[in-house]
Amino acid sequence: MFTRYGTIPGKVLSISRDAVQDGKKGLLYPARIALLRNTIDVDGRKLPLGAGMALMAEIKTDHRTVIDYLLSPIRRVGHESLRER
């Protein structure tokens, strides 16, 4: 992922149960995030962050090895092929 201004750690407070349709990005799940800092460094200056600013968030949910990540589609197909239809 491309990060122009760095990252700020935070904590997910809530995620909407319902997706919202976005014309350009498809379905999105609105979330509330508590940031651990309220400023970001831009060209050596600390700029304040405020409500309503757009951002790109990466939410870590689990730790996976590279081999697990690569094999997961094969495992999923194998699991689904063994189910009764």
PDB file of N, CA and C in Angstrom:
ATOM      1  N   MET A   1       0.853  -1.180   0.000  1.00  0.00           N
ATOM      2  CA  MET A   1       0.000   0.000   0.000  1.00  0.00           C
ATOM      3  C   MET A   1       0.894   1.238   0.000  1.00  0.00           C
ATOM      4  N   PHE A   2       0.528   2.205  -0.761  1.00  0.00           N
ATOM      5  CA  PHE A   2       1.275   3.453  -0.858  1.00  0.00           C
ATOM      6  C   PHE A   2       0.881   4.383   0.281  1.00  0.00           C
ATOM      7  N   THR A   3       1.863   4.802   1.062  1.00  0.00           N
ATOM      8  CA  THR A   3       1.587   5.741   2.153  1.00  0.00           C
ATOM      9  C   THR A   3       2.448   6.982   1.954  1.00  0.00           C
ATOM     10  N   ARG A   4       1.816   8.056   1.598  1.00  0.00           N
ATOM     11  CA  ARG A   4       2.533   9.302   1.339  1.00  0.00           C
ATOM     12  C   ARG A   4       2.938  10.005   2.627  1.00  0.00           C
ATOM     13  N   TYR A   5       2.081   9.977   3.627  1.00  0.00           N
ATOM     14  CA  TYR A   5       2.336  10.717   4.855  1.00  0.00           C
ATOM     15  C   TYR A   5       2.589   9.823   6.060  1.00  0.00           C
ATOM     16  N   GLY A   6       2.789   8.548   5.847  1.00  0.00           N
ATOM     17  CA  GLY A   6       3.051   7.645   6.963  1.00  0.00           C
ATOM     18  C   GLY A   6       1.772   7.030   7.501  1.00  0.00           C
ATOM     19  N   THR A   7       1.897   6.432   8.659  1.00  0.00           N
ATOM     20  CA  THR A   7       0.753   5.758   9.272  1.00  0.00           C
ATOM     21  C   THR A   7       0.537   6.262  10.691  1.00  0.00           C
ATOM     22  N   ILE A   8      -0.676   6.088  11.161  1.00  0.00           N
ATOM     23  CA  ILE A   8      -1.029   6.420  12.541  1.00  0.00           C
ATOM     24  C   ILE A   8      -1.757   5.215  13.116  1.00  0.00           C
ATOM     25  N   PRO A   9      -1.249   4.642  14.202  1.00  0.00           N
ATOM     26  CA  PRO A   9      -1.964   3.507  14.804  1.00  0.00           C
ATOM     27  C   PRO A   9      -3.276   3.965  15.423  1.00  0.00           C
ATOM     28  N   GLY A  10      -4.230   3.058  15.460  1.00  0.00           N
ATOM     29  CA  GLY A  10      -5.528   3.372  16.038  1.00  0.00           C
ATOM     30  C   GLY A  10      -6.231   2.120  16.492  1.00  0.00           C
ATOM     31  N   LYS A  11      -7.440   2.294  16.994  1.00  0.00           N
ATOM     32  CA  LYS A  11      -8.244   1.180  17.484  1.00  0.00           C
ATOM     33  C   LYS A  11      -9.638   1.292  16.877  1.00  0.00           C
ATOM     34  N   VAL A  12     -10.141   0.175  16.351  1.00  0.00           N
ATOM     35  CA  VAL A  12     -11.488   0.149  15.773  1.00  0.00           C
ATOM     36  C   VAL A  12     -12.499   0.199  16.909  1.00  0.00           C
ATOM     37  N   LEU A  13     -13.354   1.215  16.899  1.00  0.00           N
ATOM     38  CA  LEU A  13     -14.400   1.343  17.915  1.00  0.00           C
ATOM     39  C   LEU A  13     -15.672   0.625  17.479  1.00  0.00           C
ATOM     40  N   SER A  14     -16.011   0.758  16.189  1.00  0.00           N
ATOM     41  CA  SER A  14     -17.208   0.085  15.677  1.00  0.00           C
ATOM     42  C   SER A  14     -17.143  -0.001  14.163  1.00  0.00           C
ATOM     43  N   ILE A  15     -17.814  -1.018  13.618  1.00  0.00           N
ATOM     44  CA  ILE A  15     -17.966  -1.179  12.171  1.00  0.00           C
ATOM     45  C   ILE A  15     -19.453  -1.373  11.905  1.00  0.00           C
ATOM     46  N   SER A  16     -19.975  -0.653  10.920  1.00  0.00           N
ATOM     47  CA  SER A  16     -21.389  -0.749  10.582  1.00  0.00           C
ATOM     48  C   SER A  16     -21.755  -2.177  10.192  1.00  0.00           C
ATOM     49  N   ARG A  17     -22.943  -2.605  10.585  1.00  0.00           N
ATOM     50  CA  ARG A  17     -23.430  -3.932  10.186  1.00  0.00           C
ATOM     51  C   ARG A  17     -23.860  -3.950   8.730  1.00  0.00           C
ATOM     52  N   ASP A  18     -24.179  -2.784   8.197  1.00  0.00           N
ATOM     53  CA  ASP A  18     -24.668  -2.685   6.824  1.00  0.00           C
ATOM     54  C   ASP A  18     -23.663  -1.946   5.950  1.00  0.00           C
ATOM     55  N   ALA A  19     -23.478  -2.441   4.737  1.00  0.00           N
ATOM     56  CA  ALA A  19     -22.595  -1.797   3.777  1.00  0.00           C
ATOM     57  C   ALA A  19     -23.295  -0.592   3.157  1.00  0.00           C
ATOM     58  N   VAL A  20     -22.506   0.364   2.714  1.00  0.00           N
ATOM     59  CA  VAL A  20     -22.998   1.558   2.039  1.00  0.00           C
ATOM     60  C   VAL A  20     -22.439   1.531   0.620  1.00  0.00           C
ATOM     61  N   GLN A  21     -23.296   1.775  -0.368  1.00  0.00           N
ATOM     62  CA  GLN A  21     -22.859   1.755  -1.771  1.00  0.00           C
ATOM     63  C   GLN A  21     -22.146   3.051  -2.112  1.00  0.00           C
ATOM     64  N   ASP A  22     -20.928   2.937  -2.643  1.00  0.00           N
ATOM     65  CA  ASP A  22     -20.158   4.079  -3.121  1.00  0.00           C
ATOM     66  C   ASP A  22     -20.050   3.944  -4.634  1.00  0.00           C
ATOM     67  N   GLY A  23     -20.322   5.023  -5.366  1.00  0.00           N
ATOM     68  CA  GLY A  23     -20.320   4.968  -6.819  1.00  0.00           C
ATOM     69  C   GLY A  23     -18.997   4.542  -7.427  1.00  0.00           C
ATOM     70  N   LYS A  24     -17.883   4.904  -6.819  1.00  0.00           N
ATOM     71  CA  LYS A  24     -16.571   4.594  -7.377  1.00  0.00           C
ATOM     72  C   LYS A  24     -15.944   3.344  -6.770  1.00  0.00           C
ATOM     73  N   LYS A  25     -16.195   3.089  -5.492  1.00  0.00           N
ATOM     74  CA  LYS A  25     -15.496   2.008  -4.793  1.00  0.00           C
ATOM     75  C   LYS A  25     -16.353   0.789  -4.504  1.00  0.00           C
ATOM     76  N   GLY A  26     -17.627   0.835  -4.812  1.00  0.00           N
ATOM     77  CA  GLY A  26     -18.498  -0.303  -4.524  1.00  0.00           C
ATOM     78  C   GLY A  26     -19.023  -0.250  -3.103  1.00  0.00           C
ATOM     79  N   LEU A  27     -19.174  -1.421  -2.494  1.00  0.00           N
ATOM     80  CA  LEU A  27     -19.703  -1.490  -1.133  1.00  0.00           C
ATOM     81  C   LEU A  27     -18.616  -1.193  -0.108  1.00  0.00           C
ATOM     82  N   LEU A  28     -18.943  -0.342   0.847  1.00  0.00           N
ATOM     83  CA  LEU A  28     -18.024   0.026   1.926  1.00  0.00           C
ATOM     84  C   LEU A  28     -18.719  -0.172   3.263  1.00  0.00           C
ATOM     85  N   TYR A  29     -17.959  -0.467   4.284  1.00  0.00           N
ATOM     86  CA  TYR A  29     -18.492  -0.580   5.638  1.00  0.00           C
ATOM     87  C   TYR A  29     -17.955   0.583   6.469  1.00  0.00           C
ATOM     88  N   PRO A  30     -18.800   1.564   6.782  1.00  0.00           N
ATOM     89  CA  PRO A  30     -18.344   2.680   7.611  1.00  0.00           C
ATOM     90  C   PRO A  30     -17.844   2.180   8.965  1.00  0.00           C
ATOM     91  N   ALA A  31     -16.763   2.799   9.437  1.00  0.00           N
ATOM     92  CA  ALA A  31     -16.174   2.401  10.718  1.00  0.00           C
ATOM     93  C   ALA A  31     -15.779   3.638  11.508  1.00  0.00           C
ATOM     94  N   ARG A  32     -15.762   3.488  12.824  1.00  0.00           N
ATOM     95  CA  ARG A  32     -15.269   4.547  13.718  1.00  0.00           C
ATOM     96  C   ARG A  32     -13.939   4.073  14.278  1.00  0.00           C
ATOM     97  N   ILE A  33     -12.905   4.913  14.114  1.00  0.00           N
ATOM     98  CA  ILE A  33     -11.554   4.579  14.539  1.00  0.00           C
ATOM     99  C   ILE A  33     -11.070   5.631  15.529  1.00  0.00           C
ATOM    100  N   ALA A  34     -10.495   5.190  16.648  1.00  0.00           N
ATOM    101  CA  ALA A  34      -9.861   6.105  17.603  1.00  0.00           C
ATOM    102  C   ALA A  34      -8.371   6.128  17.280  1.00  0.00           C
ATOM    103  N   LEU A  35      -7.871   7.272  16.824  1.00  0.00           N
ATOM    104  CA  LEU A  35      -6.454   7.402  16.495  1.00  0.00           C
ATOM    105  C   LEU A  35      -5.642   7.630  17.764  1.00  0.00           C
ATOM    106  N   LEU A  36      -4.414   7.109  17.774  1.00  0.00           N
ATOM    107  CA  LEU A  36      -3.556   7.271  18.944  1.00  0.00           C
ATOM    108  C   LEU A  36      -2.769   8.577  18.904  1.00  0.00           C
ATOM    109  N   ARG A  37      -2.820   9.290  17.776  1.00  0.00           N
ATOM    110  CA  ARG A  37      -2.232  10.632  17.654  1.00  0.00           C
ATOM    111  C   ARG A  37      -3.234  11.508  16.917  1.00  0.00           C
ATOM    112  N   ASN A  38      -3.170  12.816  17.138  1.00  0.00           N
ATOM    113  CA  ASN A  38      -4.087  13.717  16.434  1.00  0.00           C
ATOM    114  C   ASN A  38      -3.360  14.647  15.465  1.00  0.00           C
ATOM    115  N   THR A  39      -2.101  14.306  15.133  1.00  0.00           N
ATOM    116  CA  THR A  39      -1.342  15.063  14.141  1.00  0.00           C
ATOM    117  C   THR A  39      -0.632  14.087  13.204  1.00  0.00           C
ATOM    118  N   ILE A  40      -0.245  14.610  12.034  1.00  0.00           N
ATOM    119  CA  ILE A  40       0.540  13.823  11.082  1.00  0.00           C
ATOM    120  C   ILE A  40       1.667  14.699  10.560  1.00  0.00           C
ATOM    121  N   ASP A  41       2.833  14.103  10.342  1.00  0.00           N
ATOM    122  CA  ASP A  41       4.003  14.844   9.868  1.00  0.00           C
ATOM    123  C   ASP A  41       3.967  14.982   8.349  1.00  0.00           C
ATOM    124  N   VAL A  42       3.999  16.222   7.870  1.00  0.00           N
ATOM    125  CA  VAL A  42       4.035  16.514   6.440  1.00  0.00           C
ATOM    126  C   VAL A  42       5.162  17.502   6.202  1.00  0.00           C
ATOM    127  N   ASP A  43       6.187  17.060   5.480  1.00  0.00           N
ATOM    128  CA  ASP A  43       7.346  17.908   5.188  1.00  0.00           C
ATOM    129  C   ASP A  43       7.940  18.516   6.454  1.00  0.00           C
ATOM    130  N   GLY A  44       8.054  17.727   7.507  1.00  0.00           N
ATOM    131  CA  GLY A  44       8.661  18.188   8.749  1.00  0.00           C
ATOM    132  C   GLY A  44       7.748  19.010   9.643  1.00  0.00           C
ATOM    133  N   ARG A  45       6.513  19.222   9.243  1.00  0.00           N
ATOM    134  CA  ARG A  45       5.563  19.978  10.073  1.00  0.00           C
ATOM    135  C   ARG A  45       4.497  19.043  10.595  1.00  0.00           C
ATOM    136  N   LYS A  46       4.055  19.268  11.815  1.00  0.00           N
ATOM    137  CA  LYS A  46       2.958  18.488  12.398  1.00  0.00           C
ATOM    138  C   LYS A  46       1.650  19.200  12.070  1.00  0.00           C
ATOM    139  N   LEU A  47       0.814  18.521  11.284  1.00  0.00           N
ATOM    140  CA  LEU A  47      -0.480  19.091  10.918  1.00  0.00           C
ATOM    141  C   LEU A  47      -1.582  18.391  11.703  1.00  0.00           C
ATOM    142  N   PRO A  48      -2.551  19.162  12.213  1.00  0.00           N
ATOM    143  CA  PRO A  48      -3.628  18.554  13.000  1.00  0.00           C
ATOM    144  C   PRO A  48      -4.602  17.777  12.116  1.00  0.00           C
ATOM    145  N   LEU A  49      -5.106  16.693  12.658  1.00  0.00           N
ATOM    146  CA  LEU A  49      -6.148  15.910  12.000  1.00  0.00           C
ATOM    147  C   LEU A  49      -7.492  16.319  12.574  1.00  0.00           C
ATOM    148  N   GLY A  50      -8.527  16.262  11.748  1.00  0.00           N
ATOM    149  CA  GLY A  50      -9.840  16.662  12.219  1.00  0.00           C
ATOM    150  C   GLY A  50     -10.940  15.758  11.704  1.00  0.00           C
ATOM    151  N   ALA A  51     -12.097  15.874  12.300  1.00  0.00           N
ATOM    152  CA  ALA A  51     -13.257  15.076  11.899  1.00  0.00           C
ATOM    153  C   ALA A  51     -13.610  15.362  10.451  1.00  0.00           C
ATOM    154  N   GLY A  52     -14.004  14.325   9.728  1.00  0.00           N
ATOM    155  CA  GLY A  52     -14.435  14.467   8.350  1.00  0.00           C
ATOM    156  C   GLY A  52     -13.336  14.332   7.319  1.00  0.00           C
ATOM    157  N   MET A  53     -12.083  14.234   7.753  1.00  0.00           N
ATOM    158  CA  MET A  53     -10.985  14.059   6.802  1.00  0.00           C
ATOM    159  C   MET A  53     -11.035  12.655   6.215  1.00  0.00           C
ATOM    160  N   ALA A  54     -10.720  12.545   4.926  1.00  0.00           N
ATOM    161  CA  ALA A  54     -10.696  11.238   4.257  1.00  0.00           C
ATOM    162  C   ALA A  54      -9.394  10.516   4.580  1.00  0.00           C
ATOM    163  N   LEU A  55      -9.476   9.176   4.601  1.00  0.00           N
ATOM    164  CA  LEU A  55      -8.281   8.388   4.874  1.00  0.00           C
ATOM    165  C   LEU A  55      -8.404   7.018   4.256  1.00  0.00           C
ATOM    166  N   MET A  56      -7.291   6.326   4.196  1.00  0.00           N
ATOM    167  CA  MET A  56      -7.252   4.929   3.769  1.00  0.00           C
ATOM    168  C   MET A  56      -6.805   4.146   4.991  1.00  0.00           C
ATOM    169  N   ALA A  57      -7.600   3.156   5.387  1.00  0.00           N
ATOM    170  CA  ALA A  57      -7.283   2.385   6.593  1.00  0.00           C
ATOM    171  C   ALA A  57      -6.992   0.939   6.246  1.00  0.00           C
ATOM    172  N   GLU A  58      -6.035   0.386   6.935  1.00  0.00           N
ATOM    173  CA  GLU A  58      -5.726  -1.035   6.827  1.00  0.00           C
ATOM    174  C   GLU A  58      -5.976  -1.632   8.199  1.00  0.00           C
ATOM    175  N   ILE A  59      -6.927  -2.546   8.275  1.00  0.00           N
ATOM    176  CA  ILE A  59      -7.287  -3.148   9.555  1.00  0.00           C
ATOM    177  C   ILE A  59      -6.695  -4.542   9.623  1.00  0.00           C
ATOM    178  N   LYS A  60      -5.804  -4.745  10.564  1.00  0.00           N
ATOM    179  CA  LYS A  60      -5.190  -6.058  10.738  1.00  0.00           C
ATOM    180  C   LYS A  60      -6.124  -6.927  11.565  1.00  0.00           C
ATOM    181  N   THR A  61      -6.430  -8.103  11.029  1.00  0.00           N
ATOM    182  CA  THR A  61      -7.356  -8.996  11.724  1.00  0.00           C
ATOM    183  C   THR A  61      -6.692 -10.262  12.221  1.00  0.00           C
ATOM    184  N   ASP A  62      -5.579 -10.661  11.608  1.00  0.00           N
ATOM    185  CA  ASP A  62      -4.932 -11.915  11.979  1.00  0.00           C
ATOM    186  C   ASP A  62      -3.531 -11.929  11.391  1.00  0.00           C
ATOM    187  N   HIS A  63      -2.711 -12.831  11.873  1.00  0.00           N
ATOM    188  CA  HIS A  63      -1.371 -13.016  11.332  1.00  0.00           C
ATOM    189  C   HIS A  63      -1.379 -14.256  10.455  1.00  0.00           C
ATOM    190  N   ARG A  64      -0.860 -14.140   9.219  1.00  0.00           N
ATOM    191  CA  ARG A  64      -0.794 -15.270   8.298  1.00  0.00           C
ATOM    192  C   ARG A  64       0.606 -15.344   7.699  1.00  0.00           C
ATOM    193  N   THR A  65       1.071 -16.555   7.488  1.00  0.00           N
ATOM    194  CA  THR A  65       2.341 -16.722   6.799  1.00  0.00           C
ATOM    195  C   THR A  65       2.115 -16.537   5.304  1.00  0.00           C
ATOM    196  N   VAL A  66       3.178 -16.290   4.577  1.00  0.00           N
ATOM    197  CA  VAL A  66       3.074 -16.107   3.131  1.00  0.00           C
ATOM    198  C   VAL A  66       2.539 -17.378   2.476  1.00  0.00           C
ATOM    199  N   ILE A  67       3.031 -18.539   2.896  1.00  0.00           N
ATOM    200  CA  ILE A  67       2.576 -19.796   2.298  1.00  0.00           C
ATOM    201  C   ILE A  67       1.088 -20.032   2.572  1.00  0.00           C
ATOM    202  N   ASP A  68       0.618 -19.669   3.760  1.00  0.00           N
ATOM    203  CA  ASP A  68      -0.806 -19.795   4.076  1.00  0.00           C
ATOM    204  C   ASP A  68      -1.635 -18.888   3.169  1.00  0.00           C
ATOM    205  N   TYR A  69      -1.158 -17.677   2.956  1.00  0.00           N
ATOM    206  CA  TYR A  69      -1.842 -16.726   2.081  1.00  0.00           C
ATOM    207  C   TYR A  69      -1.919 -17.267   0.652  1.00  0.00           C
ATOM    208  N   LEU A  70      -0.818 -17.845   0.156  1.00  0.00           N
ATOM    209  CA  LEU A  70      -0.786 -18.357  -1.212  1.00  0.00           C
ATOM    210  C   LEU A  70      -1.629 -19.615  -1.388  1.00  0.00           C
ATOM    211  N   LEU A  71      -1.693 -20.451  -0.357  1.00  0.00           N
ATOM    212  CA  LEU A  71      -2.435 -21.706  -0.458  1.00  0.00           C
ATOM    213  C   LEU A  71      -3.919 -21.576  -0.124  1.00  0.00           C
ATOM    214  N   SER A  72      -4.348 -20.463   0.446  1.00  0.00           N
ATOM    215  CA  SER A  72      -5.742 -20.332   0.880  1.00  0.00           C
ATOM    216  C   SER A  72      -6.754 -20.515  -0.255  1.00  0.00           C
ATOM    217  N   PRO A  73      -6.543 -20.003  -1.481  1.00  0.00           N
ATOM    218  CA  PRO A  73      -7.532 -20.262  -2.543  1.00  0.00           C
ATOM    219  C   PRO A  73      -7.648 -21.750  -2.884  1.00  0.00           C
ATOM    220  N   ILE A  74      -6.526 -22.461  -2.870  1.00  0.00           N
ATOM    221  CA  ILE A  74      -6.546 -23.897  -3.170  1.00  0.00           C
ATOM    222  C   ILE A  74      -7.291 -24.646  -2.074  1.00  0.00           C
ATOM    223  N   ARG A  75      -7.041 -24.284  -0.829  1.00  0.00           N
ATOM    224  CA  ARG A  75      -7.742 -24.921   0.293  1.00  0.00           C
ATOM    225  C   ARG A  75      -9.245 -24.666   0.219  1.00  0.00           C
ATOM    226  N   ARG A  76      -9.619 -23.441  -0.136  1.00  0.00           N
ATOM    227  CA  ARG A  76     -11.042 -23.087  -0.210  1.00  0.00           C
ATOM    228  C   ARG A  76     -11.742 -23.916  -1.287  1.00  0.00           C
ATOM    229  N   VAL A  77     -11.119 -24.055  -2.458  1.00  0.00           N
ATOM    230  CA  VAL A  77     -11.701 -24.851  -3.545  1.00  0.00           C
ATOM    231  C   VAL A  77     -11.814 -26.305  -3.117  1.00  0.00           C
ATOM    232  N   GLY A  78     -10.776 -26.832  -2.477  1.00  0.00           N
ATOM    233  CA  GLY A  78     -10.813 -28.214  -2.004  1.00  0.00           C
ATOM    234  C   GLY A  78     -11.910 -28.439  -0.990  1.00  0.00           C
ATOM    235  N   HIS A  79     -12.077 -27.515  -0.071  1.00  0.00           N
ATOM    236  CA  HIS A  79     -13.111 -27.628   0.958  1.00  0.00           C
ATOM    237  C   HIS A  79     -14.507 -27.583   0.333  1.00  0.00           C
ATOM    238  N   GLU A  80     -14.712 -26.659  -0.604  1.00  0.00           N
ATOM    239  CA  GLU A  80     -16.025 -26.520  -1.242  1.00  0.00           C
ATOM    240  C   GLU A  80     -16.350 -27.714  -2.137  1.00  0.00           C
ATOM    241  N   SER A  81     -15.345 -28.334  -2.735  1.00  0.00           N
ATOM    242  CA  SER A  81     -15.609 -29.471  -3.622  1.00  0.00           C
ATOM    243  C   SER A  81     -16.042 -30.708  -2.845  1.00  0.00           C
ATOM    244  N   LEU A  82     -15.732 -30.771  -1.559  1.00  0.00           N
ATOM    245  CA  LEU A  82     -16.100 -31.922  -0.744  1.00  0.00           C
ATOM    246  C   LEU A  82     -17.489 -31.802  -0.126  1.00  0.00           C
ATOM    247  N   ARG A  83     -18.110 -30.632  -0.243  1.00  0.00           N
ATOM    248  CA  ARG A  83     -19.446 -30.449   0.339  1.00  0.00           C
ATOM    249  C   ARG A  83     -20.518 -31.035  -0.554  1.00  0.00           C
ATOM    250  N   GLU A  84     -21.560 -31.527   0.084  1.00  0.00           N
ATOM    251  CA  GLU A  84     -22.695 -32.090  -0.650  1.00  0.00           C
ATOM    252  C   GLU A  84     -23.534 -30.966  -1.232  1.00  0.00           C
ATOM    253  N   ARG A  85     -24.027 -31.182  -2.438  1.00  0.00           N
ATOM    254  CA  ARG A  85     -24.877 -30.163  -3.086  1.00  0.00           C
ATOM    255  C   ARG A  85     -26.252 -30.693  -3.322  1.00  0.00           C
TER     256      ARG A  85
END
